[in-house]
């Protein structure tokens, strides 16, 4: 009996809408809890700390490698696009 009731188009649509509302509610709730201690609407300043797992920690000590990579990528981009090269050279020349 329940399966026959579920086959009606409006019931399927209603189940879909309820599922979407639940998913988006959970998703938004996860965003609001991203910064511990931050409360919506109280202030726009978030406390900064020394997060041990921050992205910047992963790149410590590779300054020279990145300089080589960026220089190589810049040359590739300049070789691909004449307009980019002209503008870049006019601004740095």
N, C-alpha and C. Protein backbone atom coordinates (compact mmCIF):
# COMPACT_ATOMS: atom_id res chain seq x y z
N UNK A 1 0.83 -1.19 0.00
CA UNK A 1 0.00 0.00 0.00
C UNK A 1 0.87 1.25 0.00
N UNK A 2 1.92 1.25 0.83
CA UNK A 2 2.80 2.42 0.92
C UNK A 2 3.50 2.68 -0.42
N UNK A 3 3.94 1.62 -1.10
CA UNK A 3 4.62 1.78 -2.38
C UNK A 3 3.70 2.35 -3.45
N UNK A 4 2.44 1.98 -3.43
CA UNK A 4 1.48 2.56 -4.37
C UNK A 4 1.31 4.05 -4.12
N UNK A 5 1.29 4.43 -2.86
CA UNK A 5 1.15 5.84 -2.49
C UNK A 5 2.38 6.63 -2.94
N UNK A 6 3.56 6.01 -2.85
CA UNK A 6 4.81 6.67 -3.21
C UNK A 6 4.95 6.86 -4.72
N UNK A 7 4.21 6.10 -5.50
CA UNK A 7 4.30 6.21 -6.96
C UNK A 7 3.60 7.45 -7.51
N UNK A 8 2.82 8.11 -6.73
CA UNK A 8 2.14 9.32 -7.20
C UNK A 8 3.18 10.41 -7.43
N UNK A 9 3.09 11.13 -8.55
CA UNK A 9 4.10 12.13 -8.89
C UNK A 9 4.29 13.21 -7.83
N UNK A 10 3.23 13.70 -7.25
CA UNK A 10 3.37 14.79 -6.27
C UNK A 10 4.04 14.30 -5.00
N UNK A 11 3.87 13.03 -4.65
CA UNK A 11 4.52 12.48 -3.46
C UNK A 11 6.02 12.36 -3.70
N UNK A 12 6.39 11.88 -4.87
CA UNK A 12 7.82 11.78 -5.20
C UNK A 12 8.46 13.16 -5.19
N UNK A 13 7.77 14.14 -5.75
CA UNK A 13 8.29 15.50 -5.76
C UNK A 13 8.43 16.03 -4.34
N UNK A 14 7.46 15.78 -3.49
CA UNK A 14 7.51 16.23 -2.10
C UNK A 14 8.68 15.59 -1.36
N UNK A 15 8.90 14.31 -1.57
CA UNK A 15 10.03 13.62 -0.95
C UNK A 15 11.34 14.24 -1.43
N UNK A 16 11.43 14.54 -2.71
CA UNK A 16 12.63 15.18 -3.27
C UNK A 16 12.87 16.54 -2.63
N UNK A 17 11.84 17.36 -2.52
CA UNK A 17 11.97 18.71 -1.94
C UNK A 17 12.42 18.62 -0.48
N UNK A 18 11.81 17.74 0.28
CA UNK A 18 12.19 17.58 1.69
C UNK A 18 13.65 17.14 1.80
N UNK A 19 14.07 16.21 0.94
CA UNK A 19 15.46 15.76 0.97
C UNK A 19 16.41 16.90 0.65
N UNK A 20 16.07 17.74 -0.34
CA UNK A 20 16.93 18.88 -0.69
C UNK A 20 17.02 19.89 0.46
N UNK A 21 15.90 20.15 1.11
CA UNK A 21 15.91 21.08 2.25
C UNK A 21 16.82 20.55 3.35
N UNK A 22 16.73 19.27 3.63
CA UNK A 22 17.58 18.67 4.67
C UNK A 22 19.05 18.77 4.27
N UNK A 23 19.38 18.45 3.03
CA UNK A 23 20.77 18.50 2.57
C UNK A 23 21.32 19.91 2.66
N UNK A 24 20.59 20.91 2.17
CA UNK A 24 21.08 22.29 2.21
C UNK A 24 21.17 22.81 3.64
N UNK A 25 20.27 22.39 4.51
CA UNK A 25 20.34 22.82 5.91
C UNK A 25 21.60 22.27 6.56
N UNK A 26 21.90 21.02 6.32
CA UNK A 26 23.11 20.42 6.89
C UNK A 26 24.35 21.09 6.32
N UNK A 27 24.34 21.37 5.02
CA UNK A 27 25.48 22.01 4.37
C UNK A 27 25.73 23.40 4.96
N UNK A 28 24.70 24.19 5.12
CA UNK A 28 24.84 25.54 5.67
C UNK A 28 25.24 25.50 7.15
N UNK A 29 24.76 24.52 7.87
CA UNK A 29 25.13 24.40 9.28
C UNK A 29 26.62 24.11 9.41
N UNK A 30 27.16 23.36 8.48
CA UNK A 30 28.59 23.07 8.49
C UNK A 30 29.42 24.30 8.23
N UNK A 31 28.95 25.20 7.38
CA UNK A 31 29.69 26.44 7.10
C UNK A 31 29.75 27.34 8.32
N UNK A 32 28.66 27.44 9.04
CA UNK A 32 28.62 28.37 10.17
C UNK A 32 29.52 27.94 11.31
N UNK A 33 29.83 26.66 11.38
CA UNK A 33 30.68 26.19 12.46
C UNK A 33 32.15 26.10 12.07
N UNK A 34 32.51 26.73 10.95
CA UNK A 34 33.88 26.62 10.45
C UNK A 34 34.90 27.28 11.36
N UNK A 35 34.52 28.38 12.02
CA UNK A 35 35.45 29.08 12.90
C UNK A 35 34.92 28.98 14.31
N UNK A 36 35.65 28.31 15.15
CA UNK A 36 35.21 28.13 16.53
C UNK A 36 35.15 29.47 17.24
N UNK A 37 34.08 29.73 17.91
CA UNK A 37 33.94 30.96 18.68
C UNK A 37 33.36 32.12 17.90
N UNK A 38 33.24 32.01 16.58
CA UNK A 38 32.69 33.10 15.77
C UNK A 38 31.17 33.00 15.79
N UNK A 39 30.53 34.12 16.07
CA UNK A 39 29.08 34.15 16.12
C UNK A 39 28.57 35.10 15.05
N UNK A 40 27.59 34.65 14.29
CA UNK A 40 27.05 35.43 13.20
C UNK A 40 26.44 36.73 13.71
N UNK A 41 26.79 37.83 13.08
CA UNK A 41 26.18 39.11 13.39
C UNK A 41 26.80 39.86 14.55
N UNK A 42 27.63 39.23 15.36
CA UNK A 42 28.20 39.93 16.51
C UNK A 42 29.31 40.87 16.10
N UNK A 43 30.22 40.40 15.27
CA UNK A 43 31.30 41.26 14.79
C UNK A 43 31.82 40.70 13.48
N UNK A 44 32.58 41.51 12.77
CA UNK A 44 33.12 41.05 11.50
C UNK A 44 34.59 40.65 11.63
N UNK A 45 35.12 40.70 12.84
CA UNK A 45 36.52 40.36 13.06
C UNK A 45 36.61 38.94 13.59
N UNK A 46 37.38 38.12 12.91
CA UNK A 46 37.58 36.75 13.35
C UNK A 46 38.96 36.63 13.96
N UNK A 47 39.09 35.89 15.04
CA UNK A 47 40.40 35.75 15.67
C UNK A 47 41.36 34.94 14.79
N UNK A 48 42.61 35.38 14.73
CA UNK A 48 43.63 34.64 14.00
C UNK A 48 44.46 33.83 14.99
N UNK A 49 44.85 32.65 14.59
CA UNK A 49 45.68 31.84 15.47
C UNK A 49 46.74 31.14 14.63
N UNK A 50 47.61 30.44 15.27
CA UNK A 50 48.66 29.71 14.58
C UNK A 50 48.18 28.28 14.34
N UNK A 51 47.34 28.12 13.34
CA UNK A 51 46.77 26.82 13.04
C UNK A 51 47.87 25.88 12.55
N UNK A 52 48.00 24.75 13.21
CA UNK A 52 49.06 23.80 12.89
C UNK A 52 48.89 23.17 11.51
N UNK A 53 47.67 23.03 11.04
CA UNK A 53 47.43 22.37 9.76
C UNK A 53 47.09 23.36 8.65
N UNK A 54 47.57 24.58 8.76
CA UNK A 54 47.26 25.57 7.73
C UNK A 54 48.01 25.25 6.44
N UNK A 55 47.48 25.74 5.33
CA UNK A 55 48.07 25.45 4.03
C UNK A 55 49.47 26.02 3.92
N UNK A 56 49.72 27.20 4.46
CA UNK A 56 51.03 27.83 4.35
C UNK A 56 52.15 26.99 4.94
N UNK A 57 51.86 26.21 5.97
CA UNK A 57 52.88 25.37 6.59
C UNK A 57 53.43 24.33 5.62
N UNK A 58 52.65 23.95 4.65
CA UNK A 58 53.06 22.90 3.73
C UNK A 58 54.13 23.38 2.74
N UNK A 59 54.27 24.70 2.55
CA UNK A 59 55.18 25.22 1.54
C UNK A 59 56.45 25.81 2.14
N UNK A 60 56.70 25.55 3.38
CA UNK A 60 57.89 26.07 4.04
C UNK A 60 59.14 25.44 3.43
N UNK A 61 60.10 26.28 3.02
CA UNK A 61 61.37 25.77 2.52
C UNK A 61 61.44 25.49 1.04
N UNK A 62 60.47 25.91 0.25
CA UNK A 62 60.53 25.62 -1.19
C UNK A 62 60.52 26.90 -2.02
N UNK A 63 61.07 27.98 -1.47
CA UNK A 63 61.07 29.27 -2.14
C UNK A 63 61.77 29.20 -3.50
N UNK A 64 62.94 28.59 -3.55
CA UNK A 64 63.70 28.51 -4.81
C UNK A 64 62.98 27.65 -5.85
N UNK A 65 62.41 26.54 -5.41
CA UNK A 65 61.67 25.67 -6.34
C UNK A 65 60.49 26.42 -6.95
N UNK A 66 59.77 27.17 -6.12
CA UNK A 66 58.62 27.91 -6.61
C UNK A 66 59.05 29.05 -7.54
N UNK A 67 60.16 29.69 -7.23
CA UNK A 67 60.66 30.76 -8.10
C UNK A 67 60.96 30.21 -9.50
N UNK A 68 61.60 29.04 -9.57
CA UNK A 68 61.89 28.40 -10.86
C UNK A 68 60.60 28.05 -11.60
N UNK A 69 59.65 27.51 -10.85
CA UNK A 69 58.38 27.09 -11.47
C UNK A 69 57.60 28.27 -12.01
N UNK A 70 57.53 29.34 -11.22
CA UNK A 70 56.78 30.53 -11.65
C UNK A 70 57.45 31.17 -12.86
N UNK A 71 58.78 31.24 -12.85
CA UNK A 71 59.50 31.81 -13.98
C UNK A 71 59.25 31.01 -15.25
N UNK A 72 59.29 29.69 -15.14
CA UNK A 72 59.03 28.81 -16.29
C UNK A 72 57.60 28.98 -16.78
N UNK A 73 56.63 28.99 -15.86
CA UNK A 73 55.23 29.14 -16.24
C UNK A 73 54.97 30.50 -16.89
N UNK A 74 55.62 31.54 -16.39
CA UNK A 74 55.45 32.88 -16.97
C UNK A 74 55.95 32.89 -18.42
N UNK A 75 57.10 32.30 -18.66
CA UNK A 75 57.64 32.24 -20.02
C UNK A 75 56.71 31.46 -20.94
N UNK A 76 56.16 30.36 -20.46
CA UNK A 76 55.21 29.58 -21.26
C UNK A 76 53.98 30.40 -21.62
N UNK A 77 53.45 31.13 -20.65
CA UNK A 77 52.27 31.97 -20.89
C UNK A 77 52.58 33.08 -21.89
N UNK A 78 53.74 33.70 -21.75
CA UNK A 78 54.13 34.77 -22.67
C UNK A 78 54.31 34.22 -24.09
N UNK A 79 54.80 33.01 -24.23
CA UNK A 79 54.97 32.40 -25.55
C UNK A 79 53.64 32.01 -26.19
N UNK A 80 52.65 31.69 -25.38
CA UNK A 80 51.34 31.28 -25.89
C UNK A 80 50.49 32.45 -26.37
N UNK A 81 50.63 33.61 -25.71
CA UNK A 81 49.71 34.72 -25.97
C UNK A 81 50.49 36.01 -26.22
N UNK A 82 50.46 36.49 -27.47
CA UNK A 82 51.21 37.69 -27.84
C UNK A 82 50.70 38.93 -27.10
N UNK A 83 49.39 39.02 -26.90
CA UNK A 83 48.82 40.17 -26.18
C UNK A 83 49.29 40.19 -24.73
N UNK A 84 49.28 39.03 -24.09
CA UNK A 84 49.74 38.93 -22.71
C UNK A 84 51.21 39.35 -22.62
N UNK A 85 52.02 38.87 -23.56
CA UNK A 85 53.45 39.20 -23.58
C UNK A 85 53.65 40.70 -23.75
N UNK A 86 52.90 41.31 -24.66
CA UNK A 86 53.06 42.75 -24.91
C UNK A 86 52.69 43.56 -23.67
N UNK A 87 51.59 43.21 -23.04
CA UNK A 87 51.16 43.94 -21.84
C UNK A 87 52.15 43.71 -20.71
N UNK A 88 52.56 42.46 -20.49
CA UNK A 88 53.51 42.15 -19.42
C UNK A 88 54.82 42.92 -19.61
N UNK A 89 55.34 42.87 -20.84
CA UNK A 89 56.60 43.54 -21.12
C UNK A 89 56.49 45.05 -20.98
N UNK A 90 55.34 45.62 -21.37
CA UNK A 90 55.17 47.07 -21.24
C UNK A 90 55.08 47.51 -19.78
N UNK A 91 54.56 46.64 -18.93
CA UNK A 91 54.43 46.99 -17.51
C UNK A 91 55.70 46.71 -16.71
N UNK A 92 56.50 45.78 -17.17
CA UNK A 92 57.72 45.44 -16.42
C UNK A 92 58.98 45.96 -17.08
N UNK A 93 58.87 46.47 -18.31
CA UNK A 93 60.02 46.86 -19.10
C UNK A 93 60.68 48.09 -18.67
